[in-house]
C-alpha atoms as a PDB file:
ATOM      1  CA  MET A   1     -65.809  75.920 -14.871  1.00  0.00           C
ATOM      2  CA  ILE A   2     -65.902  72.716 -16.256  1.00  0.00           C
ATOM      3  CA  GLU A   3     -69.428  71.182 -17.733  1.00  0.00           C
ATOM      4  CA  VAL A   4     -68.503  68.439 -17.267  1.00  0.00           C
ATOM      5  CA  THR A   5     -68.357  64.894 -19.764  1.00  0.00           C
ATOM      6  CA  ALA A   6     -66.039  62.553 -18.258  1.00  0.00           C
ATOM      7  CA  ALA A   7     -64.180  61.872 -15.324  1.00  0.00           C
ATOM      8  CA  GLY A   8     -61.339  59.596 -14.772  1.00  0.00           C
ATOM      9  CA  VAL A   9     -61.743  56.898 -12.319  1.00  0.00           C
ATOM     10  CA  ASN A  10     -58.742  56.318 -10.061  1.00  0.00           C
ATOM     11  CA  ARG A  11     -57.151  54.652  -7.194  1.00  0.00           C
ATOM     12  CA  ALA A  12     -57.227  57.794  -5.218  1.00  0.00           C
ATOM     13  CA  ASP A  13     -60.537  57.251  -5.891  1.00  0.00           C
ATOM     14  CA  LEU A  14     -61.086  54.222  -4.617  1.00  0.00           C
ATOM     15  CA  LEU A  15     -58.943  55.393  -1.259  1.00  0.00           C
ATOM     16  CA  GLN A  16     -60.516  58.231  -0.460  1.00  0.00           C
ATOM     17  CA  ARG A  17     -64.388  56.309  -0.930  1.00  0.00           C
ATOM     18  CA  GLN A  18     -62.714  54.038   2.186  1.00  0.00           C
ATOM     19  CA  GLY A  19     -62.183  57.155   4.474  1.00  0.00           C
ATOM     20  CA  LEU A  20     -57.618  56.275   3.153  1.00  0.00           C
ATOM     21  CA  TYR A  21     -56.928  59.192   1.488  1.00  0.00           C
ATOM     22  CA  SER A  22     -58.460  62.564   2.777  1.00  0.00           C
ATOM     23  CA  PRO A  23     -58.856  65.322  -0.344  1.00  0.00           C
ATOM     24  CA  PRO A  24     -56.250  68.064   1.040  1.00  0.00           C
ATOM     25  CA  PRO A  25     -58.212  71.590   2.437  1.00  0.00           C
ATOM     26  CA  GLY A  26     -60.499  73.628   0.774  1.00  0.00           C
ATOM     27  CA  ALA A  27     -60.626  71.354  -1.739  1.00  0.00           C
ATOM     28  CA  SER A  28     -63.516  69.181  -3.213  1.00  0.00           C
ATOM     29  CA  GLU A  29     -64.966  66.459  -0.507  1.00  0.00           C
ATOM     30  CA  LEU A  30     -66.096  64.831  -4.021  1.00  0.00           C
ATOM     31  CA  PRO A  31     -63.514  62.304  -5.089  1.00  0.00           C
ATOM     32  CA  GLY A  32     -62.611  62.482  -9.182  1.00  0.00           C
ATOM     33  CA  LEU A  33     -59.287  63.457 -10.084  1.00  0.00           C
ATOM     34  CA  GLU A  34     -59.358  64.680 -13.360  1.00  0.00           C
ATOM     35  CA  CYS A  35     -62.018  65.374 -16.008  1.00  0.00           C
ATOM     36  CA  SER A  36     -62.870  66.874 -19.900  1.00  0.00           C
ATOM     37  CA  GLY A  37     -65.928  69.032 -20.536  1.00  0.00           C
ATOM     38  CA  VAL A  38     -66.263  72.618 -21.984  1.00  0.00           C
ATOM     39  CA  VAL A  39     -66.241  75.505 -20.763  1.00  0.00           C
ATOM     40  CA  VAL A  40     -68.486  76.825 -19.069  1.00  0.00           C
ATOM     41  CA  GLU A  41     -67.832  79.962 -17.034  1.00  0.00           C
ATOM     42  CA  VAL A  42     -64.098  82.227 -17.010  1.00  0.00           C
ATOM     43  CA  GLY A  43     -62.850  83.946 -14.136  1.00  0.00           C
ATOM     44  CA  GLU A  44     -61.810  87.434 -14.102  1.00  0.00           C
ATOM     45  CA  GLY A  45     -58.779  87.939 -15.726  1.00  0.00           C
ATOM     46  CA  VAL A  46     -58.141  84.594 -17.765  1.00  0.00           C
ATOM     47  CA  SER A  47     -57.049  85.044 -21.300  1.00  0.00           C
ATOM     48  CA  LYS A  48     -56.144  81.289 -22.409  1.00  0.00           C
ATOM     49  CA  PHE A  49     -59.895  80.187 -22.450  1.00  0.00           C
ATOM     50  CA  THR A  50     -63.285  80.611 -23.293  1.00  0.00           C
ATOM     51  CA  ALA A  51     -66.293  79.548 -22.872  1.00  0.00           C
ATOM     52  CA  GLY A  52     -67.737  76.844 -25.137  1.00  0.00           C
ATOM     53  CA  GLU A  53     -63.829  75.634 -26.220  1.00  0.00           C
ATOM     54  CA  GLU A  54     -63.881  71.991 -25.164  1.00  0.00           C
ATOM     55  CA  VAL A  55     -60.373  70.594 -22.019  1.00  0.00           C
ATOM     56  CA  CYS A  56     -59.673  68.610 -20.037  1.00  0.00           C
ATOM     57  CA  ALA A  57     -58.099  68.868 -16.586  1.00  0.00           C
ATOM     58  CA  LEU A  58     -55.757  67.823 -13.391  1.00  0.00           C
ATOM     59  CA  LEU A  59     -58.112  68.405 -10.385  1.00  0.00           C
ATOM     60  CA  THR A  60     -57.636  68.343  -7.479  1.00  0.00           C
ATOM     61  CA  GLY A  61     -60.986  66.910  -6.403  1.00  0.00           C
ATOM     62  CA  GLY A  62     -64.651  67.007  -7.935  1.00  0.00           C
ATOM     63  CA  GLY A  63     -65.148  65.272 -11.555  1.00  0.00           C
ATOM     64  CA  TYR A  64     -67.665  63.043 -10.293  1.00  0.00           C
ATOM     65  CA  ALA A  65     -70.223  66.245 -10.666  1.00  0.00           C
ATOM     66  CA  GLU A  66     -72.325  67.278 -13.247  1.00  0.00           C
ATOM     67  CA  LYS A  67     -69.502  71.196 -13.266  1.00  0.00           C
ATOM     68  CA  VAL A  68     -66.331  71.724 -11.828  1.00  0.00           C
ATOM     69  CA  ALA A  69     -64.724  74.411 -10.773  1.00  0.00           C
ATOM     70  CA  VAL A  70     -60.604  74.243 -11.425  1.00  0.00           C
ATOM     71  CA  PRO A  71     -57.842  76.663 -11.166  1.00  0.00           C
ATOM     72  CA  TRP A  72     -56.768  77.537 -15.206  1.00  0.00           C
ATOM     73  CA  GLU A  73     -53.334  76.729 -14.981  1.00  0.00           C
ATOM     74  CA  GLN A  74     -54.341  72.977 -14.515  1.00  0.00           C
ATOM     75  CA  VAL A  75     -56.529  73.064 -17.448  1.00  0.00           C
ATOM     76  CA  LEU A  76     -55.530  71.782 -21.150  1.00  0.00           C
ATOM     77  CA  HIS A  77     -57.401  72.718 -24.466  1.00  0.00           C
ATOM     78  CA  ALA A  78     -58.425  69.116 -25.662  1.00  0.00           C
ATOM     79  CA  PRO A  79     -55.773  67.507 -27.982  1.00  0.00           C
ATOM     80  CA  SER A  80     -57.165  66.610 -31.579  1.00  0.00           C
ATOM     81  CA  GLY A  81     -57.800  63.287 -32.741  1.00  0.00           C
ATOM     82  CA  ILE A  82     -59.324  61.891 -29.905  1.00  0.00           C
ATOM     83  CA  PRO A  83     -62.615  61.916 -29.192  1.00  0.00           C
ATOM     84  CA  LEU A  84     -63.666  64.675 -26.053  1.00  0.00           C
ATOM     85  CA  VAL A  85     -65.104  61.953 -24.279  1.00  0.00           C
ATOM     86  CA  ASN A  86     -61.696  59.645 -23.907  1.00  0.00           C
ATOM     87  CA  ALA A  87     -59.721  63.273 -23.005  1.00  0.00           C
ATOM     88  CA  ALA A  88     -60.535  62.671 -19.465  1.00  0.00           C
ATOM     89  CA  ALA A  89     -58.355  59.622 -19.787  1.00  0.00           C
ATOM     90  CA  LEU A  90     -55.643  61.610 -20.059  1.00  0.00           C
ATOM     91  CA  PRO A  91     -54.752  64.382 -17.409  1.00  0.00           C
ATOM     92  CA  GLU A  92     -54.294  62.555 -14.718  1.00  0.00           C
ATOM     93  CA  ALA A  93     -51.770  59.962 -15.790  1.00  0.00           C
ATOM     94  CA  ALA A  94     -49.999  62.242 -18.390  1.00  0.00           C
ATOM     95  CA  CYS A  95     -49.586  64.809 -14.923  1.00  0.00           C
ATOM     96  CA  THR A  96     -48.193  62.698 -13.480  1.00  0.00           C
ATOM     97  CA  VAL A  97     -45.998  60.654 -16.028  1.00  0.00           C
ATOM     98  CA  TRP A  98     -44.368  63.512 -17.146  1.00  0.00           C
ATOM     99  CA  SER A  99     -43.651  64.931 -13.009  1.00  0.00           C
ATOM    100  CA  LYS A 100     -42.652  62.299 -12.039  1.00  0.00           C
ATOM    101  CA  VAL A 101     -40.100  59.746 -14.721  1.00  0.00           C
ATOM    102  CA  PHE A 102     -39.827  63.769 -16.910  1.00  0.00           C
ATOM    103  CA  MET A 103     -38.752  66.098 -14.406  1.00  0.00           C
ATOM    104  CA  ILE A 104     -37.844  64.164 -11.211  1.00  0.00           C
ATOM    105  CA  GLY A 105     -36.648  60.722 -12.574  1.00  0.00           C
ATOM    106  CA  ARG A 106     -34.781  63.089 -15.603  1.00  0.00           C
ATOM    107  CA  LEU A 107     -35.353  60.283 -17.665  1.00  0.00           C
ATOM    108  CA  ARG A 108     -33.303  60.982 -21.204  1.00  0.00           C
ATOM    109  CA  ARG A 109     -33.367  59.359 -24.907  1.00  0.00           C
ATOM    110  CA  GLY A 110     -31.633  56.366 -25.188  1.00  0.00           C
ATOM    111  CA  GLU A 111     -31.766  54.849 -20.719  1.00  0.00           C
ATOM    112  CA  THR A 112     -34.189  51.857 -19.506  1.00  0.00           C
ATOM    113  CA  LEU A 113     -37.249  52.946 -17.650  1.00  0.00           C
ATOM    114  CA  LEU A 114     -39.124  49.918 -15.815  1.00  0.00           C
ATOM    115  CA  VAL A 115     -42.684  51.012 -15.352  1.00  0.00           C
ATOM    116  CA  HIS A 116     -43.708  48.486 -12.721  1.00  0.00           C
ATOM    117  CA  GLY A 117     -47.636  47.604 -13.470  1.00  0.00           C
ATOM    118  CA  GLY A 118     -48.029  48.192 -17.229  1.00  0.00           C
ATOM    119  CA  THR A 119     -51.602  48.248 -17.869  1.00  0.00           C
ATOM    120  CA  SER A 120     -52.698  50.317 -15.064  1.00  0.00           C
ATOM    121  CA  GLY A 121     -54.095  53.599 -16.409  1.00  0.00           C
ATOM    122  CA  ILE A 122     -50.017  55.472 -15.767  1.00  0.00           C
ATOM    123  CA  GLY A 123     -48.673  52.371 -16.635  1.00  0.00           C
ATOM    124  CA  THR A 124     -49.931  52.548 -19.945  1.00  0.00           C
ATOM    125  CA  MET A 125     -49.109  56.409 -20.466  1.00  0.00           C
ATOM    126  CA  ALA A 126     -45.448  55.323 -19.281  1.00  0.00           C
ATOM    127  CA  ILE A 127     -44.945  52.858 -21.227  1.00  0.00           C
ATOM    128  CA  GLN A 128     -46.347  55.035 -24.315  1.00  0.00           C
ATOM    129  CA  MET A 129     -44.572  58.631 -23.407  1.00  0.00           C
ATOM    130  CA  ALA A 130     -41.794  56.794 -22.944  1.00  0.00           C
ATOM    131  CA  LYS A 131     -41.077  55.101 -25.525  1.00  0.00           C
ATOM    132  CA  ALA A 132     -41.709  58.144 -27.984  1.00  0.00           C
ATOM    133  CA  LEU A 133     -39.320  60.768 -26.446  1.00  0.00           C
ATOM    134  CA  GLY A 134     -36.382  57.847 -26.758  1.00  0.00           C
ATOM    135  CA  SER A 135     -35.796  55.449 -24.027  1.00  0.00           C
ATOM    136  CA  TYR A 136     -35.897  52.191 -23.427  1.00  0.00           C
ATOM    137  CA  VAL A 137     -38.724  50.488 -21.913  1.00  0.00           C
ATOM    138  CA  VAL A 138     -39.792  47.543 -19.663  1.00  0.00           C
ATOM    139  CA  ALA A 139     -42.926  47.262 -17.412  1.00  0.00           C
ATOM    140  CA  THR A 140     -44.308  44.273 -15.072  1.00  0.00           C
ATOM    141  CA  ALA A 141     -47.556  42.615 -15.337  1.00  0.00           C
ATOM    142  CA  GLY A 142     -49.643  40.438 -13.306  1.00  0.00           C
ATOM    143  CA  THR A 143     -51.080  37.472 -16.660  1.00  0.00           C
ATOM    144  CA  PRO A 144     -49.943  36.378 -19.884  1.00  0.00           C
ATOM    145  CA  GLU A 145     -52.546  38.943 -21.520  1.00  0.00           C
ATOM    146  CA  LYS A 146     -50.955  41.948 -19.637  1.00  0.00           C
ATOM    147  CA  VAL A 147     -47.419  40.901 -20.235  1.00  0.00           C
ATOM    148  CA  ALA A 148     -48.660  40.737 -24.559  1.00  0.00           C
ATOM    149  CA  ARG A 149     -50.411  44.339 -24.106  1.00  0.00           C
ATOM    150  CA  CYS A 150     -47.055  46.278 -22.577  1.00  0.00           C
ATOM    151  CA  LEU A 151     -45.482  44.381 -25.433  1.00  0.00           C
ATOM    152  CA  GLU A 152     -48.113  45.854 -28.429  1.00  0.00           C
ATOM    153  CA  LEU A 153     -47.961  49.107 -25.822  1.00  0.00           C
ATOM    154  CA  GLY A 154     -44.038  49.887 -27.254  1.00  0.00           C
ATOM    155  CA  ALA A 155     -42.573  48.139 -24.780  1.00  0.00           C
ATOM    156  CA  ASP A 156     -39.338  46.627 -25.223  1.00  0.00           C
ATOM    157  CA  GLU A 157     -40.007  44.260 -22.638  1.00  0.00           C
ATOM    158  CA  ALA A 158     -42.326  43.073 -20.773  1.00  0.00           C
ATOM    159  CA  ILE A 159     -41.789  40.609 -17.438  1.00  0.00           C
ATOM    160  CA  ASN A 160     -44.568  38.182 -15.705  1.00  0.00           C
ATOM    161  CA  TYR A 161     -43.930  38.720 -12.132  1.00  0.00           C
ATOM    162  CA  ARG A 162     -45.710  36.353 -10.966  1.00  0.00           C
ATOM    163  CA  GLU A 163     -43.376  33.809 -13.197  1.00  0.00           C
ATOM    164  CA  GLU A 164     -40.280  35.746 -13.285  1.00  0.00           C
ATOM    165  CA  ASP A 165     -38.092  37.449 -10.581  1.00  0.00           C
ATOM    166  CA  PHE A 166     -37.461  41.168 -12.029  1.00  0.00           C
ATOM    167  CA  ALA A 167     -34.527  41.593 -10.680  1.00  0.00           C
ATOM    168  CA  THR A 168     -33.095  39.196 -12.388  1.00  0.00           C
ATOM    169  CA  LYS A 169     -34.520  39.982 -16.140  1.00  0.00           C
ATOM    170  CA  VAL A 170     -33.226  43.435 -16.326  1.00  0.00           C
ATOM    171  CA  LYS A 171     -31.092  47.130 -15.560  1.00  0.00           C
ATOM    172  CA  ALA A 172     -32.766  50.246 -14.606  1.00  0.00           C
ATOM    173  CA  ASP A 173     -31.549  54.457 -14.728  1.00  0.00           C
ATOM    174  CA  VAL A 174     -35.389  55.078 -13.712  1.00  0.00           C
ATOM    175  CA  ILE A 175     -38.028  52.604 -12.201  1.00  0.00           C
ATOM    176  CA  LEU A 176     -41.716  54.119 -11.616  1.00  0.00           C
ATOM    177  CA  ASP A 177     -42.565  51.986  -8.958  1.00  0.00           C
ATOM    178  CA  ILE A 178     -46.308  51.664  -7.735  1.00  0.00           C
ATOM    179  CA  ILE A 179     -45.583  49.286  -4.881  1.00  0.00           C
ATOM    180  CA  GLY A 180     -43.500  50.414  -2.479  1.00  0.00           C
ATOM    181  CA  ALA A 181     -42.087  48.315   0.241  1.00  0.00           C
ATOM    182  CA  LYS A 182     -42.971  45.319  -1.003  1.00  0.00           C
ATOM    183  CA  TYR A 183     -40.487  46.016  -3.891  1.00  0.00           C
ATOM    184  CA  LEU A 184     -37.977  48.498  -1.768  1.00  0.00           C
ATOM    185  CA  ARG A 185     -35.278  45.789  -2.201  1.00  0.00           C
ATOM    186  CA  GLN A 186     -35.515  44.670  -5.876  1.00  0.00           C
ATOM    187  CA  ASN A 187     -35.561  48.102  -6.908  1.00  0.00           C
ATOM    188  CA  ILE A 188     -32.749  48.845  -5.655  1.00  0.00           C
ATOM    189  CA  GLU A 189     -30.990  45.860  -7.054  1.00  0.00           C
ATOM    190  CA  VAL A 190     -31.980  46.826 -10.275  1.00  0.00           C
ATOM    191  CA  LEU A 191     -31.477  50.392  -9.741  1.00  0.00           C
ATOM    192  CA  LYS A 192     -28.481  51.049 -12.510  1.00  0.00           C
ATOM    193  CA  THR A 193     -25.396  53.171 -11.492  1.00  0.00           C
ATOM    194  CA  GLY A 194     -26.413  56.721 -10.502  1.00  0.00           C
ATOM    195  CA  GLY A 195     -30.224  55.203 -11.143  1.00  0.00           C
ATOM    196  CA  ARG A 196     -33.367  56.897  -9.943  1.00  0.00           C
ATOM    197  CA  LEU A 197     -36.244  54.660  -7.795  1.00  0.00           C
ATOM    198  CA  VAL A 198     -39.311  56.799  -7.775  1.00  0.00           C
ATOM    199  CA  VAL A 199     -42.748  55.604  -5.884  1.00  0.00           C
ATOM    200  CA  ILE A 200     -45.463  56.619  -6.584  1.00  0.00           C
ATOM    201  CA  GLY A 201     -47.629  53.961  -4.685  1.00  0.00           C
ATOM    202  CA  LEU A 202     -48.100  52.111  -1.700  1.00  0.00           C
ATOM    203  CA  GLN A 203     -50.015  48.924  -3.030  1.00  0.00           C
ATOM    204  CA  GLY A 204     -47.210  46.532  -1.627  1.00  0.00           C
ATOM    205  CA  GLY A 205     -46.548  47.835   1.925  1.00  0.00           C
ATOM    206  CA  THR A 206     -45.669  51.459   3.404  1.00  0.00           C
ATOM    207  CA  ARG A 207     -42.841  49.932   5.327  1.00  0.00           C
ATOM    208  CA  GLY A 208     -39.751  48.291   4.007  1.00  0.00           C
ATOM    209  CA  GLU A 209     -35.972  48.459   5.159  1.00  0.00           C
ATOM    210  CA  ILE A 210     -33.018  50.549   2.866  1.00  0.00           C
ATOM    211  CA  ASP A 211     -29.765  48.709   2.101  1.00  0.00           C
ATOM    212  CA  LEU A 212     -28.228  52.106   2.435  1.00  0.00           C
ATOM    213  CA  GLY A 213     -24.857  50.441   1.077  1.00  0.00           C
ATOM    214  CA  ALA A 214     -26.479  49.643  -1.674  1.00  0.00           C
ATOM    215  CA  LEU A 215     -28.683  52.427  -2.949  1.00  0.00           C
ATOM    216  CA  LEU A 216     -24.650  54.422  -1.598  1.00  0.00           C
ATOM    217  CA  ALA A 217     -22.634  52.303  -3.971  1.00  0.00           C
ATOM    218  CA  LYS A 218     -24.852  52.647  -6.683  1.00  0.00           C
ATOM    219  CA  ARG A 219     -24.760  56.591  -6.095  1.00  0.00           C
ATOM    220  CA  GLY A 220     -28.688  56.179  -6.705  1.00  0.00           C
ATOM    221  CA  SER A 221     -31.743  57.903  -5.520  1.00  0.00           C
ATOM    222  CA  LEU A 222     -35.308  56.986  -3.763  1.00  0.00           C
ATOM    223  CA  HIS A 223     -37.743  59.744  -4.244  1.00  0.00           C
ATOM    224  CA  ALA A 224     -41.466  59.330  -3.164  1.00  0.00           C
ATOM    225  CA  THR A 225     -44.185  61.504  -3.920  1.00  0.00           C
ATOM    226  CA  ALA A 226     -47.791  62.308  -4.410  1.00  0.00           C
ATOM    227  CA  LEU A 227     -49.666  65.202  -7.502  1.00  0.00           C
ATOM    228  CA  ARG A 228     -52.965  65.590  -5.736  1.00  0.00           C
ATOM    229  CA  GLY A 229     -51.699  68.167  -2.411  1.00  0.00           C
ATOM    230  CA  ARG A 230     -49.413  70.380  -4.789  1.00  0.00           C
ATOM    231  CA  PRO A 231     -49.941  73.875  -4.920  1.00  0.00           C
ATOM    232  CA  VAL A 232     -51.568  75.065  -7.993  1.00  0.00           C
ATOM    233  CA  ALA A 233     -48.159  76.831  -9.550  1.00  0.00           C
ATOM    234  CA  GLU A 234     -45.969  73.379  -9.321  1.00  0.00           C
ATOM    235  CA  LYS A 235     -49.305  71.561 -11.359  1.00  0.00           C
ATOM    236  CA  GLY A 236     -48.883  74.129 -14.501  1.00  0.00           C
ATOM    237  CA  ALA A 237     -45.630  74.175 -14.551  1.00  0.00           C
ATOM    238  CA  ILE A 238     -46.579  70.531 -14.663  1.00  0.00           C
ATOM    239  CA  VAL A 239     -49.907  71.303 -17.285  1.00  0.00           C
ATOM    240  CA  ARG A 240     -47.521  73.571 -19.387  1.00  0.00           C
ATOM    241  CA  GLY A 241     -44.776  70.842 -19.983  1.00  0.00           C
ATOM    242  CA  VAL A 242     -47.317  67.975 -20.441  1.00  0.00           C
ATOM    243  CA  GLY A 243     -48.139  70.741 -22.946  1.00  0.00           C
ATOM    244  CA  GLU A 244     -45.992  71.344 -24.539  1.00  0.00           C
ATOM    245  CA  ASN A 245     -44.559  68.104 -25.267  1.00  0.00           C
ATOM    246  CA  ILE A 246     -47.271  65.292 -24.908  1.00  0.00           C
ATOM    247  CA  TRP A 247     -49.963  66.893 -25.989  1.00  0.00           C
ATOM    248  CA  PRO A 248     -48.372  67.104 -29.738  1.00  0.00           C
ATOM    249  CA  LEU A 249     -47.961  63.583 -30.160  1.00  0.00           C
ATOM    250  CA  VAL A 250     -51.352  62.295 -28.844  1.00  0.00           C
ATOM    251  CA  SER A 251     -52.321  64.779 -31.599  1.00  0.00           C
ATOM    252  CA  ALA A 252     -49.727  63.125 -34.309  1.00  0.00           C
ATOM    253  CA  GLY A 253     -51.285  59.076 -32.701  1.00  0.00           C
ATOM    254  CA  ALA A 254     -47.989  58.390 -30.815  1.00  0.00           C
ATOM    255  CA  VAL A 255     -49.945  58.901 -27.303  1.00  0.00           C
ATOM    256  CA  CYS A 256     -53.062  57.314 -26.309  1.00  0.00           C
ATOM    257  CA  PRO A 257     -54.897  57.068 -23.808  1.00  0.00           C
ATOM    258  CA  VAL A 258     -55.865  52.974 -22.931  1.00  0.00           C
ATOM    259  CA  ILE A 259     -59.973  53.285 -22.353  1.00  0.00           C
ATOM    260  CA  HIS A 260     -60.774  49.248 -20.496  1.00  0.00           C
ATOM    261  CA  GLU A 261     -64.381  51.047 -20.176  1.00  0.00           C
ATOM    262  CA  ILE A 262     -66.526  53.690 -19.941  1.00  0.00           C
ATOM    263  CA  VAL A 263     -69.447  53.808 -17.511  1.00  0.00           C
ATOM    264  CA  PRO A 264     -72.653  56.314 -16.902  1.00  0.00           C
ATOM    265  CA  MET A 265     -71.236  58.216 -14.166  1.00  0.00           C
ATOM    266  CA  ALA A 266     -74.516  57.012 -11.820  1.00  0.00           C
ATOM    267  CA  GLU A 267     -72.886  53.559 -11.797  1.00  0.00           C
ATOM    268  CA  ALA A 268     -69.384  54.952 -10.359  1.00  0.00           C
ATOM    269  CA  ALA A 269     -69.747  52.216  -7.885  1.00  0.00           C
ATOM    270  CA  ARG A 270     -69.860  49.379 -10.846  1.00  0.00           C
ATOM    271  CA  ALA A 271     -66.973  51.161 -11.904  1.00  0.00           C
ATOM    272  CA  HIS A 272     -65.016  51.058  -8.447  1.00  0.00           C
ATOM    273  CA  ARG A 273     -65.275  47.630  -8.951  1.00  0.00           C
ATOM    274  CA  ILE A 274     -63.680  47.783 -12.041  1.00  0.00           C
ATOM    275  CA  LEU A 275     -60.611  49.600 -10.863  1.00  0.00           C
ATOM    276  CA  GLU A 276     -60.530  46.923  -7.661  1.00  0.00           C
ATOM    277  CA  SER A 277     -61.171  43.786  -9.352  1.00  0.00           C
ATOM    278  CA  GLY A 278     -56.803  44.144 -11.048  1.00  0.00           C
ATOM    279  CA  GLU A 279     -57.867  43.608 -14.177  1.00  0.00           C
ATOM    280  CA  HIS A 280     -58.817  46.680 -16.079  1.00  0.00           C
ATOM    281  CA  ILE A 281     -56.584  47.607 -19.036  1.00  0.00           C
ATOM    282  CA  GLY A 282     -55.985  50.930 -19.089  1.00  0.00           C
ATOM    283  CA  LYS A 283     -57.982  53.101 -18.040  1.00  0.00           C
ATOM    284  CA  VAL A 284     -61.878  53.599 -15.974  1.00  0.00           C
ATOM    285  CA  LEU A 285     -63.941  56.749 -17.057  1.00  0.00           C
ATOM    286  CA  LEU A 286     -67.152  57.253 -16.271  1.00  0.00           C
ATOM    287  CA  ALA A 287     -69.410  59.826 -18.653  1.00  0.00           C
ATOM    288  CA  ARG A 288     -72.265  61.549 -18.359  1.00  0.00           C
END
């Protein structure tokens, strides 16, 4: 059991509030897919954590609460060097990027990653993680300010998608896409031979037409995947990978959570409005 210090606000929370993304069977009906806090109780047989330790956790729900129960496999010791409140910005984004870009996308040192939505919570994390692990990073964003922020975070190139067609500007080994159908044709066009397109969001629609000939000619692959509904064992493997590979980078300052605003838990509605506006850069957090 974790006494919650802060919880991250994610797009999935907005969809759940709108009735468009129900929690998996058995999960808490409360929103909140990540949190930071202090362990107040451990279950029988749990030896990795003890009461009083500062932690953060990947949740299936329930982060908008005073306390939350979570399988120990989905819990990480809070990384050194950042405030405990800020650690709430890490689990969902870091686990999403690690599982999608590195485990599924198999991004390797020296390859090119294209990140759509470079200033989102996931985008800011993807830029930093991929760059720290030796990849060439290109990001898309919708304003000059956001383009500049992507470059500040370490992107080698940043493209304003409102002014330029990204498909004419870059070739990528791996694409991390939050848009879905709207970008499907351009994403396949961008892929290098053997490239991997990983779709994790559907902000641009759910239905699109695929030119299978173009995908086949490039020996490319398309992966559509989500994190929330995965079994505990799979989430545990992802969390371990993050702890082993990304936490040292966080402690060293090479990867940092980008915080747009910390909002009191009682003002969750305002936090949702901030996210819905699309004007944020990085994560919005709720703090008790």
